[in-house]
Protein backbone atom coordinates (compact mmCIF):
# COMPACT_ATOMS: atom_id res chain seq x y z
CA MET A 1 0.12 -0.12 0.03
CA GLU A 2 3.08 2.39 0.84
CA ILE A 3 4.53 1.33 -2.72
CA ILE A 4 0.87 2.39 -4.27
CA LYS A 5 0.70 5.90 -2.49
CA LEU A 6 4.43 6.67 -3.33
CA PHE A 7 3.45 5.95 -6.85
CA PHE A 8 1.02 8.65 -6.65
CA GLY A 9 2.77 10.83 -5.15
CA ILE A 10 6.02 10.83 -7.56
CA LEU A 11 3.13 10.64 -10.38
CA PHE A 12 1.95 13.51 -8.67
CA LEU A 13 5.08 15.68 -8.46
CA ILE A 14 5.84 15.02 -11.92
CA LEU A 15 2.64 16.83 -13.30
CA GLY A 16 4.13 19.50 -11.81
CA TYR A 17 6.30 20.13 -14.78
CA PRO A 18 4.10 20.55 -17.79
CA ILE A 19 1.30 22.46 -15.48
CA GLY A 20 4.40 25.26 -14.04
CA ASN A 21 5.00 25.29 -18.54
CA PHE A 22 1.29 26.33 -18.95
CA LEU A 23 0.46 28.94 -16.44
CA ALA A 24 4.13 30.22 -17.18
CA LYS A 25 3.05 30.47 -20.52
CA VAL A 26 -0.44 32.18 -20.15
CA THR A 27 0.50 34.69 -17.11
CA LYS A 28 3.95 35.93 -18.76
CA GLU A 29 2.19 39.33 -17.35
CA GLU A 30 1.67 38.59 -13.39
CA LEU A 31 4.56 36.30 -13.03
CA LYS A 32 7.23 39.21 -14.38
CA ASP A 33 5.21 41.81 -11.63
CA GLY A 34 5.47 39.20 -8.84
CA GLN A 35 8.90 37.05 -8.93
CA LEU A 36 9.94 38.52 -5.55
CA TRP A 37 6.03 36.68 -4.26
CA PHE A 38 7.25 33.69 -6.29
CA THR A 39 10.46 33.68 -4.84
CA ILE A 40 9.18 33.99 -0.97
CA ILE A 41 6.31 31.25 -2.00
CA ILE A 42 9.49 28.52 -3.23
CA GLY A 43 11.01 28.82 0.07
CA VAL A 44 8.37 28.63 2.26
CA SER A 45 6.97 25.91 0.69
CA ALA A 46 10.59 23.83 0.08
CA GLY A 47 11.10 24.57 3.52
CA LEU A 48 8.24 22.97 4.50
CA GLY A 49 7.96 19.93 2.06
CA THR A 50 11.40 19.75 4.19
CA VAL A 51 9.32 19.00 7.55
CA GLY A 52 6.98 16.76 6.37
CA LEU A 53 9.69 14.59 4.85
CA PHE A 54 11.13 14.61 8.22
CA ILE A 55 7.74 13.94 10.43
CA GLY A 56 6.60 11.27 7.35
CA ASN A 57 3.46 13.87 6.63
CA ASP A 58 3.15 12.33 2.85
CA VAL A 59 0.66 15.11 2.35
CA LEU A 60 2.53 17.62 3.50
CA LEU A 61 5.44 16.00 1.15
CA PHE A 62 4.16 16.09 -1.88
CA SER A 63 1.64 19.33 -1.71
CA MET A 64 4.52 21.36 -0.94
CA PHE A 65 6.85 19.89 -3.47
CA PHE A 66 4.62 20.56 -6.07
CA ILE A 67 3.70 23.98 -5.11
CA THR A 68 7.78 24.42 -5.14
CA ILE A 69 7.81 22.60 -8.23
CA VAL A 70 4.61 24.70 -10.05
CA THR A 71 5.78 28.01 -8.72
CA SER A 72 9.23 27.82 -10.08
CA ARG A 73 8.69 26.44 -13.68
CA SER A 74 6.72 29.28 -13.67
CA LEU A 75 9.80 31.54 -12.72
CA ILE A 76 11.52 29.66 -15.41
């Protein structure tokens, strides 16, 4: 059961790449104005994802890393 949860979590993270690229393409104007805020969101969500890794909370881990991936793809 744990392997299935891990598989779907990784699949969820992989979907962050195309979603981030799509959002970056659609919202180019907003990305220029909010780069500072996106950087802060990346830092906070990566930190909380790491906390989720250490405490063993899979929902927190995958949710925060998904936000990190989508936001970082939007900035690139």
